PDB file of N, CA and C in Angstrom:
ATOM      1  N   UNK A   1       4.007 -30.414  50.990  1.00  0.00           N
ATOM      2  CA  UNK A   1       3.319 -29.580  49.915  1.00  0.00           C
ATOM      3  C   UNK A   1       2.860 -30.831  48.906  1.00  0.00           C
ATOM      4  N   UNK A   2       1.504 -30.262  48.419  1.00  0.00           N
ATOM      5  CA  UNK A   2       1.042 -31.146  47.406  1.00  0.00           C
ATOM      6  C   UNK A   2       1.023 -30.232  46.056  1.00  0.00           C
ATOM      7  N   UNK A   3       1.562 -30.602  45.118  1.00  0.00           N
ATOM      8  CA  UNK A   3       1.536 -29.924  43.732  1.00  0.00           C
ATOM      9  C   UNK A   3       1.092 -30.871  42.638  1.00  0.00           C
ATOM     10  N   UNK A   4      -0.284 -30.418  42.482  1.00  0.00           N
ATOM     11  CA  UNK A   4      -1.051 -31.315  41.341  1.00  0.00           C
ATOM     12  C   UNK A   4      -2.298 -30.360  40.745  1.00  0.00           C
ATOM     13  N   UNK A   5      -2.502 -30.482  39.413  1.00  0.00           N
ATOM     14  CA  UNK A   5      -3.599 -29.460  39.023  1.00  0.00           C
ATOM     15  C   UNK A   5      -4.828 -30.253  39.032  1.00  0.00           C
ATOM     16  N   UNK A   6      -4.946 -31.454  39.690  1.00  0.00           N
ATOM     17  CA  UNK A   6      -6.315 -32.251  39.915  1.00  0.00           C
ATOM     18  C   UNK A   6      -6.840 -31.896  41.281  1.00  0.00           C
ATOM     19  N   UNK A   7      -7.853 -31.191  41.300  1.00  0.00           N
ATOM     20  CA  UNK A   7      -8.459 -30.940  42.702  1.00  0.00           C
ATOM     21  C   UNK A   7      -8.783 -32.116  43.560  1.00  0.00           C
ATOM     22  N   UNK A   8      -8.959 -33.166  43.107  1.00  0.00           N
ATOM     23  CA  UNK A   8      -9.362 -34.239  44.038  1.00  0.00           C
ATOM     24  C   UNK A   8      -8.000 -34.687  44.573  1.00  0.00           C
ATOM     25  N   UNK A   9      -7.073 -34.788  43.848  1.00  0.00           N
ATOM     26  CA  UNK A   9      -5.771 -35.406  44.399  1.00  0.00           C
ATOM     27  C   UNK A   9      -5.156 -34.346  45.230  1.00  0.00           C
ATOM     28  N   UNK A  10      -5.332 -32.967  44.952  1.00  0.00           N
ATOM     29  CA  UNK A  10      -4.822 -32.076  46.021  1.00  0.00           C
ATOM     30  C   UNK A  10      -5.520 -32.051  47.420  1.00  0.00           C
ATOM     31  N   UNK A  11      -6.827 -32.249  47.223  1.00  0.00           N
ATOM     32  CA  UNK A  11      -7.829 -32.386  48.492  1.00  0.00           C
ATOM     33  C   UNK A  11      -7.371 -33.658  49.291  1.00  0.00           C
ATOM     34  N   UNK A  12      -7.399 -35.041  48.493  1.00  0.00           N
ATOM     35  CA  UNK A  12      -7.190 -36.090  49.233  1.00  0.00           C
ATOM     36  C   UNK A  12      -5.809 -36.207  49.982  1.00  0.00           C
ATOM     37  N   UNK A  13      -4.948 -35.674  49.160  1.00  0.00           N
ATOM     38  CA  UNK A  13      -3.391 -35.844  49.709  1.00  0.00           C
ATOM     39  C   UNK A  13      -3.288 -34.689  50.878  1.00  0.00           C
ATOM     40  N   UNK A  14      -3.986 -33.442  50.791  1.00  0.00           N
ATOM     41  CA  UNK A  14      -3.628 -32.599  51.971  1.00  0.00           C
ATOM     42  C   UNK A  14      -4.432 -33.104  53.082  1.00  0.00           C
ATOM     43  N   UNK A  15      -5.608 -33.740  52.952  1.00  0.00           N
ATOM     44  CA  UNK A  15      -6.159 -34.369  54.201  1.00  0.00           C
ATOM     45  C   UNK A  15      -5.447 -35.279  54.689  1.00  0.00           C
ATOM     46  N   UNK A  16      -4.951 -36.236  53.948  1.00  0.00           N
ATOM     47  CA  UNK A  16      -4.231 -37.200  54.364  1.00  0.00           C
ATOM     48  C   UNK A  16      -3.106 -37.010  55.178  1.00  0.00           C
ATOM     49  N   UNK A  17      -2.432 -36.088  54.602  1.00  0.00           N
ATOM     50  CA  UNK A  17      -1.089 -35.327  55.393  1.00  0.00           C
ATOM     51  C   UNK A  17      -1.592 -34.850  56.825  1.00  0.00           C
ATOM     52  N   UNK A  18      -2.800 -34.071  56.767  1.00  0.00           N
ATOM     53  CA  UNK A  18      -3.333 -33.533  57.958  1.00  0.00           C
ATOM     54  C   UNK A  18      -3.453 -34.780  59.104  1.00  0.00           C
ATOM     55  N   UNK A  19      -4.148 -35.903  58.541  1.00  0.00           N
ATOM     56  CA  UNK A  19      -4.438 -36.902  59.337  1.00  0.00           C
ATOM     57  C   UNK A  19      -3.165 -37.447  60.037  1.00  0.00           C
ATOM     58  N   UNK A  20      -2.054 -37.226  59.437  1.00  0.00           N
ATOM     59  CA  UNK A  20      -0.597 -37.805  59.983  1.00  0.00           C
ATOM     60  C   UNK A  20      -0.082 -36.590  60.960  1.00  0.00           C
ATOM     61  N   UNK A  21      -0.899 -35.653  60.987  1.00  0.00           N
ATOM     62  CA  UNK A  21      -0.325 -34.601  61.982  1.00  0.00           C
ATOM     63  C   UNK A  21       0.624 -33.608  61.392  1.00  0.00           C
ATOM     64  N   UNK A  22       0.604 -33.549  60.026  1.00  0.00           N
ATOM     65  CA  UNK A  22       1.652 -32.659  59.177  1.00  0.00           C
ATOM     66  C   UNK A  22       0.739 -31.604  58.451  1.00  0.00           C
ATOM     67  N   UNK A  23       1.513 -30.562  58.526  1.00  0.00           N
ATOM     68  CA  UNK A  23       0.687 -29.464  57.864  1.00  0.00           C
ATOM     69  C   UNK A  23       0.663 -29.662  56.360  1.00  0.00           C
ATOM     70  N   UNK A  24      -0.215 -29.039  55.601  1.00  0.00           N
ATOM     71  CA  UNK A  24      -0.248 -29.301  54.221  1.00  0.00           C
ATOM     72  C   UNK A  24      -0.546 -27.926  53.640  1.00  0.00           C
ATOM     73  N   UNK A  25      -0.017 -27.764  52.359  1.00  0.00           N
ATOM     74  CA  UNK A  25      -0.093 -26.671  51.449  1.00  0.00           C
ATOM     75  C   UNK A  25      -0.240 -27.399  50.287  1.00  0.00           C
ATOM     76  N   UNK A  26      -1.541 -27.029  49.508  1.00  0.00           N
ATOM     77  CA  UNK A  26      -1.685 -27.579  48.014  1.00  0.00           C
ATOM     78  C   UNK A  26      -1.688 -26.312  46.972  1.00  0.00           C
ATOM     79  N   UNK A  27      -0.951 -26.425  45.963  1.00  0.00           N
ATOM     80  CA  UNK A  27      -0.919 -25.712  44.979  1.00  0.00           C
ATOM     81  C   UNK A  27      -1.313 -26.266  43.541  1.00  0.00           C
ATOM     82  N   UNK A  28      -1.354 -25.498  42.634  1.00  0.00           N
ATOM     83  CA  UNK A  28      -2.054 -26.084  41.251  1.00  0.00           C
ATOM     84  C   UNK A  28      -0.799 -26.249  40.391  1.00  0.00           C
ATOM     85  N   UNK A  29       0.087 -25.295  40.259  1.00  0.00           N
ATOM     86  CA  UNK A  29       1.278 -25.213  39.311  1.00  0.00           C
ATOM     87  C   UNK A  29       2.657 -25.347  40.101  1.00  0.00           C
ATOM     88  N   UNK A  30       3.549 -25.651  39.268  1.00  0.00           N
ATOM     89  CA  UNK A  30       5.050 -25.673  39.898  1.00  0.00           C
ATOM     90  C   UNK A  30       5.651 -24.241  40.277  1.00  0.00           C
ATOM     91  N   UNK A  31       5.054 -23.260  39.323  1.00  0.00           N
ATOM     92  CA  UNK A  31       5.408 -21.994  39.733  1.00  0.00           C
ATOM     93  C   UNK A  31       5.076 -21.375  40.987  1.00  0.00           C
ATOM     94  N   UNK A  32       3.728 -21.794  41.389  1.00  0.00           N
ATOM     95  CA  UNK A  32       3.139 -21.489  42.792  1.00  0.00           C
ATOM     96  C   UNK A  32       3.987 -22.232  43.743  1.00  0.00           C
ATOM     97  N   UNK A  33       4.327 -23.477  43.624  1.00  0.00           N
ATOM     98  CA  UNK A  33       5.111 -24.110  44.513  1.00  0.00           C
ATOM     99  C   UNK A  33       6.523 -23.745  44.692  1.00  0.00           C
ATOM    100  N   UNK A  34       7.258 -23.178  43.855  1.00  0.00           N
ATOM    101  CA  UNK A  34       8.477 -22.412  43.835  1.00  0.00           C
ATOM    102  C   UNK A  34       8.399 -21.135  44.420  1.00  0.00           C
ATOM    103  N   UNK A  35       7.252 -20.384  44.396  1.00  0.00           N
ATOM    104  CA  UNK A  35       7.091 -19.094  45.060  1.00  0.00           C
ATOM    105  C   UNK A  35       7.000 -19.411  46.511  1.00  0.00           C
ATOM    106  N   UNK A  36       6.407 -20.521  47.002  1.00  0.00           N
ATOM    107  CA  UNK A  36       6.163 -21.127  48.266  1.00  0.00           C
ATOM    108  C   UNK A  36       7.612 -21.463  49.097  1.00  0.00           C
ATOM    109  N   UNK A  37       8.358 -22.230  48.132  1.00  0.00           N
ATOM    110  CA  UNK A  37       9.404 -22.764  48.526  1.00  0.00           C
ATOM    111  C   UNK A  37      10.665 -21.741  48.879  1.00  0.00           C
ATOM    112  N   UNK A  38      10.367 -20.536  48.111  1.00  0.00           N
ATOM    113  CA  UNK A  38      11.227 -19.528  48.170  1.00  0.00           C
ATOM    114  C   UNK A  38      11.092 -18.923  49.731  1.00  0.00           C
ATOM    115  N   UNK A  39       9.967 -19.009  50.252  1.00  0.00           N
ATOM    116  CA  UNK A  39       9.673 -18.087  51.559  1.00  0.00           C
ATOM    117  C   UNK A  39       9.447 -19.077  52.714  1.00  0.00           C
ATOM    118  N   UNK A  40       9.167 -20.413  52.401  1.00  0.00           N
ATOM    119  CA  UNK A  40       8.874 -21.509  53.549  1.00  0.00           C
ATOM    120  C   UNK A  40       9.375 -22.691  53.166  1.00  0.00           C
ATOM    121  N   UNK A  41      10.125 -23.338  54.216  1.00  0.00           N
ATOM    122  CA  UNK A  41      10.669 -24.723  53.901  1.00  0.00           C
ATOM    123  C   UNK A  41       9.705 -25.891  54.086  1.00  0.00           C
ATOM    124  N   UNK A  42       9.871 -26.712  53.223  1.00  0.00           N
ATOM    125  CA  UNK A  42       8.888 -27.946  53.189  1.00  0.00           C
ATOM    126  C   UNK A  42       9.615 -29.360  53.175  1.00  0.00           C
ATOM    127  N   UNK A  43       9.415 -30.084  54.173  1.00  0.00           N
ATOM    128  CA  UNK A  43      10.055 -31.518  54.375  1.00  0.00           C
ATOM    129  C   UNK A  43       9.850 -32.245  53.054  1.00  0.00           C
ATOM    130  N   UNK A  44       8.534 -32.314  52.668  1.00  0.00           N
ATOM    131  CA  UNK A  44       8.097 -33.201  51.668  1.00  0.00           C
ATOM    132  C   UNK A  44       7.182 -32.533  50.728  1.00  0.00           C
ATOM    133  N   UNK A  45       7.508 -32.927  49.307  1.00  0.00           N
ATOM    134  CA  UNK A  45       6.610 -32.515  48.390  1.00  0.00           C
ATOM    135  C   UNK A  45       6.270 -33.492  47.437  1.00  0.00           C
ATOM    136  N   UNK A  46       4.804 -33.658  47.334  1.00  0.00           N
ATOM    137  CA  UNK A  46       4.218 -34.493  46.343  1.00  0.00           C
ATOM    138  C   UNK A  46       4.063 -33.882  45.050  1.00  0.00           C
ATOM    139  N   UNK A  47       4.744 -34.325  43.990  1.00  0.00           N
ATOM    140  CA  UNK A  47       4.989 -33.424  42.755  1.00  0.00           C
ATOM    141  C   UNK A  47       4.232 -34.244  41.532  1.00  0.00           C
ATOM    142  N   UNK A  48       3.115 -33.780  40.970  1.00  0.00           N
ATOM    143  CA  UNK A  48       2.736 -34.285  39.971  1.00  0.00           C
ATOM    144  C   UNK A  48       3.650 -34.145  38.714  1.00  0.00           C
ATOM    145  N   UNK A  49       3.646 -34.926  37.660  1.00  0.00           N
ATOM    146  CA  UNK A  49       4.787 -34.741  36.711  1.00  0.00           C
ATOM    147  C   UNK A  49       4.251 -33.891  35.613  1.00  0.00           C
ATOM    148  N   UNK A  50       2.775 -34.158  35.451  1.00  0.00           N
ATOM    149  CA  UNK A  50       2.206 -33.382  34.162  1.00  0.00           C
ATOM    150  C   UNK A  50       1.218 -32.098  34.869  1.00  0.00           C
ATOM    151  N   UNK A  51       2.067 -31.030  34.775  1.00  0.00           N
ATOM    152  CA  UNK A  51       1.235 -29.744  35.262  1.00  0.00           C
ATOM    153  C   UNK A  51       1.159 -28.663  34.110  1.00  0.00           C
ATOM    154  N   UNK A  52       0.168 -27.826  34.352  1.00  0.00           N
ATOM    155  CA  UNK A  52       0.283 -26.739  33.516  1.00  0.00           C
ATOM    156  C   UNK A  52       1.483 -25.880  33.404  1.00  0.00           C
ATOM    157  N   UNK A  53       1.959 -25.474  32.432  1.00  0.00           N
ATOM    158  CA  UNK A  53       3.233 -24.625  32.515  1.00  0.00           C
ATOM    159  C   UNK A  53       4.281 -25.375  32.643  1.00  0.00           C
ATOM    160  N   UNK A  54       5.297 -25.266  33.680  1.00  0.00           N
ATOM    161  CA  UNK A  54       6.406 -26.079  33.797  1.00  0.00           C
ATOM    162  C   UNK A  54       6.176 -27.551  34.244  1.00  0.00           C
ATOM    163  N   UNK A  55       6.917 -28.450  33.550  1.00  0.00           N
ATOM    164  CA  UNK A  55       6.700 -29.821  33.948  1.00  0.00           C
ATOM    165  C   UNK A  55       7.373 -30.220  35.290  1.00  0.00           C
ATOM    166  N   UNK A  56       6.921 -31.436  35.817  1.00  0.00           N
ATOM    167  CA  UNK A  56       7.406 -31.885  36.883  1.00  0.00           C
ATOM    168  C   UNK A  56       8.839 -32.071  37.068  1.00  0.00           C
ATOM    169  N   UNK A  57       9.584 -32.454  35.943  1.00  0.00           N
ATOM    170  CA  UNK A  57      10.979 -32.537  35.821  1.00  0.00           C
ATOM    171  C   UNK A  57      11.661 -31.271  36.053  1.00  0.00           C
ATOM    172  N   UNK A  58      11.177 -30.314  35.467  1.00  0.00           N
ATOM    173  CA  UNK A  58      11.662 -28.951  35.496  1.00  0.00           C
ATOM    174  C   UNK A  58      11.576 -28.519  36.973  1.00  0.00           C
ATOM    175  N   UNK A  59      10.326 -28.833  37.502  1.00  0.00           N
ATOM    176  CA  UNK A  59      10.341 -28.321  38.990  1.00  0.00           C
ATOM    177  C   UNK A  59      10.941 -29.180  40.049  1.00  0.00           C
ATOM    178  N   UNK A  60      11.250 -30.374  39.638  1.00  0.00           N
ATOM    179  CA  UNK A  60      12.238 -31.147  40.519  1.00  0.00           C
ATOM    180  C   UNK A  60      13.468 -30.707  40.489  1.00  0.00           C
ATOM    181  N   UNK A  61      14.042 -30.135  39.336  1.00  0.00           N
ATOM    182  CA  UNK A  61      15.358 -29.605  39.289  1.00  0.00           C
ATOM    183  C   UNK A  61      15.498 -28.183  40.159  1.00  0.00           C
ATOM    184  N   UNK A  62      14.402 -27.348  39.903  1.00  0.00           N
ATOM    185  CA  UNK A  62      14.396 -26.280  40.762  1.00  0.00           C
ATOM    186  C   UNK A  62      14.197 -26.231  42.220  1.00  0.00           C
ATOM    187  N   UNK A  63      13.321 -27.149  42.543  1.00  0.00           N
ATOM    188  CA  UNK A  63      13.182 -27.489  43.962  1.00  0.00           C
ATOM    189  C   UNK A  63      14.458 -28.023  44.546  1.00  0.00           C
ATOM    190  N   UNK A  64      15.229 -28.799  43.902  1.00  0.00           N
ATOM    191  CA  UNK A  64      16.494 -29.353  44.411  1.00  0.00           C
ATOM    192  C   UNK A  64      17.335 -28.343  44.486  1.00  0.00           C
ATOM    193  N   UNK A  65      17.300 -27.352  43.657  1.00  0.00           N
ATOM    194  CA  UNK A  65      18.415 -25.940  43.700  1.00  0.00           C
ATOM    195  C   UNK A  65      17.914 -25.186  45.071  1.00  0.00           C
ATOM    196  N   UNK A  66      16.797 -24.873  45.067  1.00  0.00           N
ATOM    197  CA  UNK A  66      16.146 -24.047  46.152  1.00  0.00           C
ATOM    198  C   UNK A  66      16.022 -24.679  47.481  1.00  0.00           C
ATOM    199  N   UNK A  67      16.075 -25.851  47.480  1.00  0.00           N
ATOM    200  CA  UNK A  67      15.698 -26.394  48.934  1.00  0.00           C
ATOM    201  C   UNK A  67      16.272 -28.093  48.849  1.00  0.00           C
ATOM    202  N   UNK A  68      17.660 -28.167  48.692  1.00  0.00           N
ATOM    203  CA  UNK A  68      18.079 -29.529  48.592  1.00  0.00           C
ATOM    204  C   UNK A  68      17.707 -30.520  49.621  1.00  0.00           C
ATOM    205  N   UNK A  69      17.182 -30.133  50.735  1.00  0.00           N
ATOM    206  CA  UNK A  69      16.936 -31.234  51.673  1.00  0.00           C
ATOM    207  C   UNK A  69      15.288 -31.407  51.707  1.00  0.00           C
ATOM    208  N   UNK A  70      14.662 -30.842  50.862  1.00  0.00           N
ATOM    209  CA  UNK A  70      13.096 -31.082  50.641  1.00  0.00           C
ATOM    210  C   UNK A  70      12.912 -32.466  50.030  1.00  0.00           C
ATOM    211  N   UNK A  71      12.257 -33.373  50.606  1.00  0.00           N
ATOM    212  CA  UNK A  71      12.063 -34.698  49.962  1.00  0.00           C
ATOM    213  C   UNK A  71      11.028 -34.561  48.764  1.00  0.00           C
ATOM    214  N   UNK A  72      11.089 -34.980  47.529  1.00  0.00           N
ATOM    215  CA  UNK A  72      10.259 -34.644  46.414  1.00  0.00           C
ATOM    216  C   UNK A  72       9.887 -35.972  46.180  1.00  0.00           C
ATOM    217  N   UNK A  73       8.541 -36.497  45.858  1.00  0.00           N
ATOM    218  CA  UNK A  73       7.892 -37.528  45.385  1.00  0.00           C
ATOM    219  C   UNK A  73       7.224 -37.245  44.229  1.00  0.00           C
ATOM    220  N   UNK A  74       7.731 -37.965  43.283  1.00  0.00           N
ATOM    221  CA  UNK A  74       7.115 -37.754  41.804  1.00  0.00           C
ATOM    222  C   UNK A  74       5.916 -38.549  41.765  1.00  0.00           C
ATOM    223  N   UNK A  75       4.667 -38.051  41.291  1.00  0.00           N
ATOM    224  CA  UNK A  75       3.665 -38.853  41.042  1.00  0.00           C
ATOM    225  C   UNK A  75       3.105 -38.704  39.554  1.00  0.00           C
ATOM    226  N   UNK A  76       2.964 -39.772  38.958  1.00  0.00           N
ATOM    227  CA  UNK A  76       2.408 -39.686  37.560  1.00  0.00           C
ATOM    228  C   UNK A  76       1.959 -40.964  37.056  1.00  0.00           C
ATOM    229  N   UNK A  77       1.101 -40.880  35.892  1.00  0.00           N
ATOM    230  CA  UNK A  77       0.738 -42.053  35.206  1.00  0.00           C
ATOM    231  C   UNK A  77       1.383 -42.213  33.917  1.00  0.00           C
ATOM    232  N   UNK A  78       2.422 -41.134  33.590  1.00  0.00           N
ATOM    233  CA  UNK A  78       3.273 -41.048  32.463  1.00  0.00           C
ATOM    234  C   UNK A  78       4.289 -42.258  32.448  1.00  0.00           C
ATOM    235  N   UNK A  79       4.598 -42.822  31.147  1.00  0.00           N
ATOM    236  CA  UNK A  79       5.690 -43.753  31.053  1.00  0.00           C
ATOM    237  C   UNK A  79       7.009 -42.924  30.505  1.00  0.00           C
ATOM    238  N   UNK A  80       8.034 -43.239  31.076  1.00  0.00           N
ATOM    239  CA  UNK A  80       9.137 -42.540  30.852  1.00  0.00           C
ATOM    240  C   UNK A  80      10.359 -43.518  30.121  1.00  0.00           C
ATOM    241  N   UNK A  81      11.310 -42.787  29.338  1.00  0.00           N
ATOM    242  CA  UNK A  81      12.327 -43.425  28.967  1.00  0.00           C
ATOM    243  C   UNK A  81      13.333 -43.950  29.978  1.00  0.00           C
ATOM    244  N   UNK A  82      14.350 -44.624  29.774  1.00  0.00           N
ATOM    245  CA  UNK A  82      15.308 -45.178  30.909  1.00  0.00           C
ATOM    246  C   UNK A  82      15.989 -43.662  31.418  1.00  0.00           C
ATOM    247  N   UNK A  83      16.467 -42.929  30.693  1.00  0.00           N
ATOM    248  CA  UNK A  83      17.323 -41.698  31.111  1.00  0.00           C
ATOM    249  C   UNK A  83      16.552 -40.858  32.087  1.00  0.00           C
ATOM    250  N   UNK A  84      15.413 -40.664  31.925  1.00  0.00           N
ATOM    251  CA  UNK A  84      14.159 -39.901  32.478  1.00  0.00           C
ATOM    252  C   UNK A  84      14.080 -40.740  34.010  1.00  0.00           C
ATOM    253  N   UNK A  85      13.995 -42.010  33.850  1.00  0.00           N
ATOM    254  CA  UNK A  85      13.700 -42.770  35.165  1.00  0.00           C
ATOM    255  C   UNK A  85      14.881 -42.588  35.931  1.00  0.00           C
ATOM    256  N   UNK A  86      16.179 -42.778  35.390  1.00  0.00           N
ATOM    257  CA  UNK A  86      17.366 -42.733  36.285  1.00  0.00           C
ATOM    258  C   UNK A  86      17.417 -41.335  36.931  1.00  0.00           C
ATOM    259  N   UNK A  87      17.095 -40.409  36.164  1.00  0.00           N
ATOM    260  CA  UNK A  87      17.190 -38.863  36.597  1.00  0.00           C
ATOM    261  C   UNK A  87      16.200 -38.674  37.787  1.00  0.00           C
ATOM    262  N   UNK A  88      15.120 -39.319  37.752  1.00  0.00           N
ATOM    263  CA  UNK A  88      14.091 -39.180  38.801  1.00  0.00           C
ATOM    264  C   UNK A  88      14.520 -40.050  39.887  1.00  0.00           C
ATOM    265  N   UNK A  89      15.035 -41.115  39.653  1.00  0.00           N
ATOM    266  CA  UNK A  89      15.676 -41.988  41.006  1.00  0.00           C
ATOM    267  C   UNK A  89      16.662 -41.342  41.651  1.00  0.00           C
ATOM    268  N   UNK A  90      17.567 -40.745  41.069  1.00  0.00           N
ATOM    269  CA  UNK A  90      18.618 -40.045  41.361  1.00  0.00           C
ATOM    270  C   UNK A  90      18.275 -38.794  42.106  1.00  0.00           C
ATOM    271  N   UNK A  91      17.182 -37.870  41.797  1.00  0.00           N
ATOM    272  CA  UNK A  91      17.126 -36.736  42.286  1.00  0.00           C
ATOM    273  C   UNK A  91      15.685 -36.594  43.163  1.00  0.00           C
ATOM    274  N   UNK A  92      14.874 -37.550  43.037  1.00  0.00           N
ATOM    275  CA  UNK A  92      13.743 -37.561  43.988  1.00  0.00           C
ATOM    276  C   UNK A  92      13.781 -38.433  45.144  1.00  0.00           C
ATOM    277  N   UNK A  93      12.979 -38.404  46.032  1.00  0.00           N
ATOM    278  CA  UNK A  93      12.954 -39.228  47.159  1.00  0.00           C
ATOM    279  C   UNK A  93      11.930 -40.584  46.697  1.00  0.00           C
ATOM    280  N   UNK A  94      11.152 -40.498  46.159  1.00  0.00           N
ATOM    281  CA  UNK A  94      10.356 -41.699  45.662  1.00  0.00           C
ATOM    282  C   UNK A  94       9.465 -41.307  44.323  1.00  0.00           C
ATOM    283  N   UNK A  95       8.882 -42.291  43.827  1.00  0.00           N
ATOM    284  CA  UNK A  95       8.134 -42.467  42.502  1.00  0.00           C
ATOM    285  C   UNK A  95       6.847 -43.159  42.776  1.00  0.00           C
ATOM    286  N   UNK A  96       5.646 -42.500  42.646  1.00  0.00           N
ATOM    287  CA  UNK A  96       4.411 -43.039  42.968  1.00  0.00           C
ATOM    288  C   UNK A  96       3.714 -43.069  41.611  1.00  0.00           C
ATOM    289  N   UNK A  97       3.325 -44.187  40.868  1.00  0.00           N
ATOM    290  CA  UNK A  97       2.358 -44.316  39.813  1.00  0.00           C
ATOM    291  C   UNK A  97       1.108 -44.008  40.219  1.00  0.00           C
ATOM    292  N   UNK A  98       0.320 -43.129  39.205  1.00  0.00           N
ATOM    293  CA  UNK A  98      -1.197 -42.964  39.249  1.00  0.00           C
ATOM    294  C   UNK A  98      -1.879 -43.878  38.425  1.00  0.00           C
ATOM    295  N   UNK A  99      -2.839 -44.490  38.978  1.00  0.00           N
ATOM    296  CA  UNK A  99      -3.544 -44.111  40.305  1.00  0.00           C
ATOM    297  C   UNK A  99      -2.831 -44.679  41.353  1.00  0.00           C
ATOM    298  N   UNK A 100      -2.689 -44.181  42.501  1.00  0.00           N
ATOM    299  CA  UNK A 100      -2.218 -44.703  43.670  1.00  0.00           C
ATOM    300  C   UNK A 100      -3.127 -44.944  44.865  1.00  0.00           C
ATOM    301  N   UNK A 101      -2.456 -45.700  45.764  1.00  0.00           N
ATOM    302  CA  UNK A 101      -3.558 -46.019  46.759  1.00  0.00           C
ATOM    303  C   UNK A 101      -2.802 -45.080  48.001  1.00  0.00           C
ATOM    304  N   UNK A 102      -3.769 -44.888  48.922  1.00  0.00           N
ATOM    305  CA  UNK A 102      -3.288 -44.132  50.380  1.00  0.00           C
ATOM    306  C   UNK A 102      -2.200 -44.944  50.946  1.00  0.00           C
ATOM    307  N   UNK A 103      -2.269 -46.338  50.963  1.00  0.00           N
ATOM    308  CA  UNK A 103      -1.356 -46.996  51.567  1.00  0.00           C
ATOM    309  C   UNK A 103       0.213 -46.751  50.940  1.00  0.00           C
ATOM    310  N   UNK A 104       0.265 -46.494  49.746  1.00  0.00           N
ATOM    311  CA  UNK A 104       1.611 -45.977  49.225  1.00  0.00           C
ATOM    312  C   UNK A 104       1.876 -44.551  49.766  1.00  0.00           C
ATOM    313  N   UNK A 105       1.041 -43.709  49.764  1.00  0.00           N
ATOM    314  CA  UNK A 105       1.374 -42.430  50.427  1.00  0.00           C
ATOM    315  C   UNK A 105       1.778 -42.731  51.851  1.00  0.00           C
ATOM    316  N   UNK A 106       0.959 -43.506  52.532  1.00  0.00           N
ATOM    317  CA  UNK A 106       1.484 -43.691  53.995  1.00  0.00           C
ATOM    318  C   UNK A 106       2.814 -44.293  54.103  1.00  0.00           C
ATOM    319  N   UNK A 107       3.263 -45.216  53.206  1.00  0.00           N
ATOM    320  CA  UNK A 107       4.705 -45.649  53.291  1.00  0.00           C
ATOM    321  C   UNK A 107       5.574 -44.613  52.927  1.00  0.00           C
ATOM    322  N   UNK A 108       5.382 -43.599  52.237  1.00  0.00           N
ATOM    323  CA  UNK A 108       6.284 -42.487  51.927  1.00  0.00           C
ATOM    324  C   UNK A 108       6.342 -41.784  53.027  1.00  0.00           C
ATOM    325  N   UNK A 109       5.275 -41.352  53.669  1.00  0.00           N
ATOM    326  CA  UNK A 109       5.338 -40.410  54.951  1.00  0.00           C
ATOM    327  C   UNK A 109       5.866 -41.227  56.032  1.00  0.00           C
ATOM    328  N   UNK A 110       5.753 -42.169  56.214  1.00  0.00           N
ATOM    329  CA  UNK A 110       6.329 -43.140  57.397  1.00  0.00           C
ATOM    330  C   UNK A 110       7.761 -43.062  57.263  1.00  0.00           C
ATOM    331  N   UNK A 111       8.257 -43.265  55.983  1.00  0.00           N
ATOM    332  CA  UNK A 111       9.815 -43.661  55.697  1.00  0.00           C
ATOM    333  C   UNK A 111      10.366 -42.197  55.754  1.00  0.00           C
ATOM    334  N   UNK A 112       9.677 -41.024  55.508  1.00  0.00           N
ATOM    335  CA  UNK A 112      10.273 -39.721  55.790  1.00  0.00           C
ATOM    336  C   UNK A 112      10.303 -39.633  57.392  1.00  0.00           C
ATOM    337  N   UNK A 113       9.339 -39.904  57.916  1.00  0.00           N
ATOM    338  CA  UNK A 113       9.176 -39.440  59.534  1.00  0.00           C
ATOM    339  C   UNK A 113      10.201 -40.315  60.252  1.00  0.00           C
ATOM    340  N   UNK A 114      10.265 -41.660  59.909  1.00  0.00           N
ATOM    341  CA  UNK A 114      11.033 -42.601  60.632  1.00  0.00           C
ATOM    342  C   UNK A 114      12.544 -42.731  59.808  1.00  0.00           C
ATOM    343  N   UNK A 115      12.672 -41.867  58.942  1.00  0.00           N
ATOM    344  CA  UNK A 115      14.078 -41.754  58.283  1.00  0.00           C
ATOM    345  C   UNK A 115      14.401 -43.239  57.661  1.00  0.00           C
ATOM    346  N   UNK A 116      13.366 -43.978  57.107  1.00  0.00           N
ATOM    347  CA  UNK A 116      13.662 -45.251  56.296  1.00  0.00           C
ATOM    348  C   UNK A 116      14.109 -44.987  54.888  1.00  0.00           C
ATOM    349  N   UNK A 117      14.585 -45.722  54.532  1.00  0.00           N
ATOM    350  CA  UNK A 117      14.977 -45.496  52.989  1.00  0.00           C
ATOM    351  C   UNK A 117      13.656 -45.923  51.865  1.00  0.00           C
ATOM    352  N   UNK A 118      13.084 -44.784  51.709  1.00  0.00           N
ATOM    353  CA  UNK A 118      11.919 -44.726  50.838  1.00  0.00           C
ATOM    354  C   UNK A 118      12.138 -45.553  49.350  1.00  0.00           C
ATOM    355  N   UNK A 119      13.438 -45.340  48.981  1.00  0.00           N
ATOM    356  CA  UNK A 119      13.582 -46.122  47.526  1.00  0.00           C
ATOM    357  C   UNK A 119      13.330 -47.472  47.746  1.00  0.00           C
ATOM    358  N   UNK A 120      13.936 -48.179  48.769  1.00  0.00           N
ATOM    359  CA  UNK A 120      13.492 -49.635  48.711  1.00  0.00           C
ATOM    360  C   UNK A 120      11.999 -50.042  48.732  1.00  0.00           C
ATOM    361  N   UNK A 121      11.287 -49.136  49.501  1.00  0.00           N
ATOM    362  CA  UNK A 121       9.833 -49.460  49.295  1.00  0.00           C
ATOM    363  C   UNK A 121       9.019 -48.974  48.181  1.00  0.00           C
ATOM    364  N   UNK A 122       9.412 -47.902  47.341  1.00  0.00           N
ATOM    365  CA  UNK A 122       8.760 -47.368  46.465  1.00  0.00           C
ATOM    366  C   UNK A 122       9.272 -47.740  45.020  1.00  0.00           C
ATOM    367  N   UNK A 123      10.333 -47.905  44.721  1.00  0.00           N
ATOM    368  CA  UNK A 123      11.016 -48.186  43.569  1.00  0.00           C
ATOM    369  C   UNK A 123      10.853 -49.830  43.302  1.00  0.00           C
ATOM    370  N   UNK A 124       9.982 -50.483  43.348  1.00  0.00           N
ATOM    371  CA  UNK A 124       9.773 -51.958  43.193  1.00  0.00           C
ATOM    372  C   UNK A 124       9.444 -52.308  41.904  1.00  0.00           C
TER     373      UNK A 124
END
């Protein structure tokens, strides 16, 4: 799943996931994502931190509650304090700074598919 309010990012990431042979669902808000997760399991969610309504951090907490095995990748250009960074590291699969490259997305997907530790590749 791709959760981002920017249409270009939703479109590019969704298409990129399809290129990997993965199904992709793109939504604009965290609320839409949570509605989806309540009825459908998702292996991986790319979650923007700045969203209309609920923030990405609030969404991360709720996704972890609803679907603890879903791997959540936080995407943002926002700078965080140390406590927020530690929370995100502890509760997400990976973190990607915007703007990002598709090679970064590829690393995350490959780490998930091949069960590699994404944290070692992404948290640099």
